[in-house]
Protein backbone atom coordinates (compact mmCIF):
# COMPACT_ATOMS: atom_id res chain seq x y z
CA UNK A 1 -62.60 9.17 -13.24
CA UNK A 2 -60.07 7.79 -15.55
CA UNK A 3 -61.03 5.26 -18.33
CA UNK A 4 -58.39 3.37 -20.12
CA UNK A 5 -59.42 2.45 -23.77
CA UNK A 6 -58.02 -0.81 -25.04
CA UNK A 7 -56.42 -1.67 -21.74
CA UNK A 8 -56.15 -5.36 -22.95
CA UNK A 9 -53.32 -4.34 -25.12
CA UNK A 10 -51.29 -4.32 -21.93
CA UNK A 11 -51.67 -8.05 -21.84
CA UNK A 12 -48.32 -9.96 -22.00
CA UNK A 13 -46.31 -6.68 -22.19
CA UNK A 14 -42.99 -6.71 -20.52
CA UNK A 15 -42.41 -4.26 -17.62
CA UNK A 16 -38.81 -4.54 -16.55
CA UNK A 17 -38.45 -8.19 -15.22
CA UNK A 18 -42.28 -8.60 -15.01
CA UNK A 19 -44.87 -9.38 -17.68
CA UNK A 20 -48.57 -8.27 -17.53
CA UNK A 21 -50.38 -11.56 -17.03
CA UNK A 22 -53.94 -10.21 -16.37
CA UNK A 23 -55.93 -6.92 -16.31
CA UNK A 24 -59.22 -6.52 -14.51
CA UNK A 25 -61.49 -3.25 -14.77
CA UNK A 26 -63.53 -2.76 -11.78
CA UNK A 27 -65.88 0.20 -10.91
CA UNK A 28 -63.08 2.21 -8.99
CA UNK A 29 -59.74 0.69 -10.17
CA UNK A 30 -57.89 -1.26 -12.65
CA UNK A 31 -55.93 -4.37 -11.24
CA UNK A 32 -52.90 -5.29 -13.21
CA UNK A 33 -51.38 -8.60 -12.27
CA UNK A 34 -47.70 -9.11 -13.27
CA UNK A 35 -45.68 -12.27 -13.13
CA UNK A 36 -41.94 -12.87 -13.42
CA UNK A 37 -40.57 -15.93 -15.11
CA UNK A 38 -40.05 -17.90 -11.73
CA UNK A 39 -43.82 -17.58 -11.07
CA UNK A 40 -43.84 -14.58 -8.63
CA UNK A 41 -46.77 -12.51 -9.11
CA UNK A 42 -47.66 -8.98 -7.87
CA UNK A 43 -51.08 -7.14 -8.23
CA UNK A 44 -51.03 -3.35 -8.97
CA UNK A 45 -53.88 -1.18 -8.70
CA UNK A 46 -54.72 2.17 -10.57
CA UNK A 47 -57.22 4.16 -8.89
CA UNK A 48 -59.93 5.40 -11.45
CA UNK A 49 -60.81 8.42 -9.27
CA UNK A 50 -58.47 11.29 -9.33
CA UNK A 51 -56.97 13.10 -6.68
CA UNK A 52 -55.83 16.74 -6.52
CA UNK A 53 -52.27 16.98 -7.22
CA UNK A 54 -49.87 17.72 -4.32
CA UNK A 55 -48.86 21.16 -5.63
CA UNK A 56 -52.39 21.87 -6.81
CA UNK A 57 -51.83 21.70 -10.39
CA UNK A 58 -54.38 19.42 -11.80
CA UNK A 59 -55.39 15.78 -11.06
CA UNK A 60 -53.46 12.63 -10.51
CA UNK A 61 -54.20 8.99 -10.44
CA UNK A 62 -52.68 6.74 -7.73
CA UNK A 63 -50.99 3.41 -8.55
CA UNK A 64 -49.99 1.26 -5.81
CA UNK A 65 -49.15 -2.32 -4.66
CA UNK A 66 -48.18 -4.18 -1.53
CA UNK A 67 -44.49 -4.11 -1.52
CA UNK A 68 -43.06 -7.43 -0.07
CA UNK A 69 -46.42 -9.23 -0.15
CA UNK A 70 -45.00 -12.36 -1.84
CA UNK A 71 -42.04 -12.71 0.71
CA UNK A 72 -43.60 -11.69 3.98
CA UNK A 73 -47.42 -10.78 3.99
CA UNK A 74 -47.49 -9.79 7.48
CA UNK A 75 -44.84 -7.15 6.73
CA UNK A 76 -45.96 -5.88 3.38
CA UNK A 77 -46.13 -2.18 2.96
CA UNK A 78 -48.09 0.02 0.19
CA UNK A 79 -45.85 1.52 -2.31
CA UNK A 80 -47.61 4.48 -4.05
CA UNK A 81 -46.99 6.98 -6.80
CA UNK A 82 -49.22 9.36 -8.29
CA UNK A 83 -49.26 10.11 -12.09
CA UNK A 84 -51.02 12.62 -14.25
CA UNK A 85 -53.26 11.26 -17.16
CA UNK A 86 -50.80 12.36 -19.84
CA UNK A 87 -48.15 9.77 -18.25
CA UNK A 88 -50.67 7.05 -18.61
CA UNK A 89 -51.89 7.90 -22.08
CA UNK A 90 -49.72 5.39 -24.24
CA UNK A 91 -48.87 1.76 -23.73
CA UNK A 92 -45.07 2.71 -23.44
CA UNK A 93 -45.65 5.46 -20.92
CA UNK A 94 -48.08 3.31 -18.93
CA UNK A 95 -45.46 0.50 -18.76
CA UNK A 96 -42.79 2.89 -17.83
CA UNK A 97 -44.98 4.18 -14.85
CA UNK A 98 -45.61 0.55 -13.76
CA UNK A 99 -41.78 -0.15 -13.83
CA UNK A 100 -41.22 2.95 -11.91
CA UNK A 101 -43.64 1.90 -9.31
CA UNK A 102 -42.18 -1.75 -9.18
CA UNK A 103 -38.39 -0.67 -9.03
């Protein structure tokens, strides 16, 4: 299980055209809410439980959100990426991973 120390440091960090507006720690995931200047929001989940990497080389953590939720909730699709812990271990790396997911 991944634990992010000082996750509050993500608050108000820019991620591409988004800004982190809220971070909640739950038992099995972190929920990161991001907002655009026009008020559009998106919630990204980082699952805390690891999964075996697709190539069997270590553990990875799933980061995902409902793509298209703000435009048409009935047609929203989950957008998912897997990251190793070393990709998430600094603020810059973490925000780059978020940006990659949201592109």
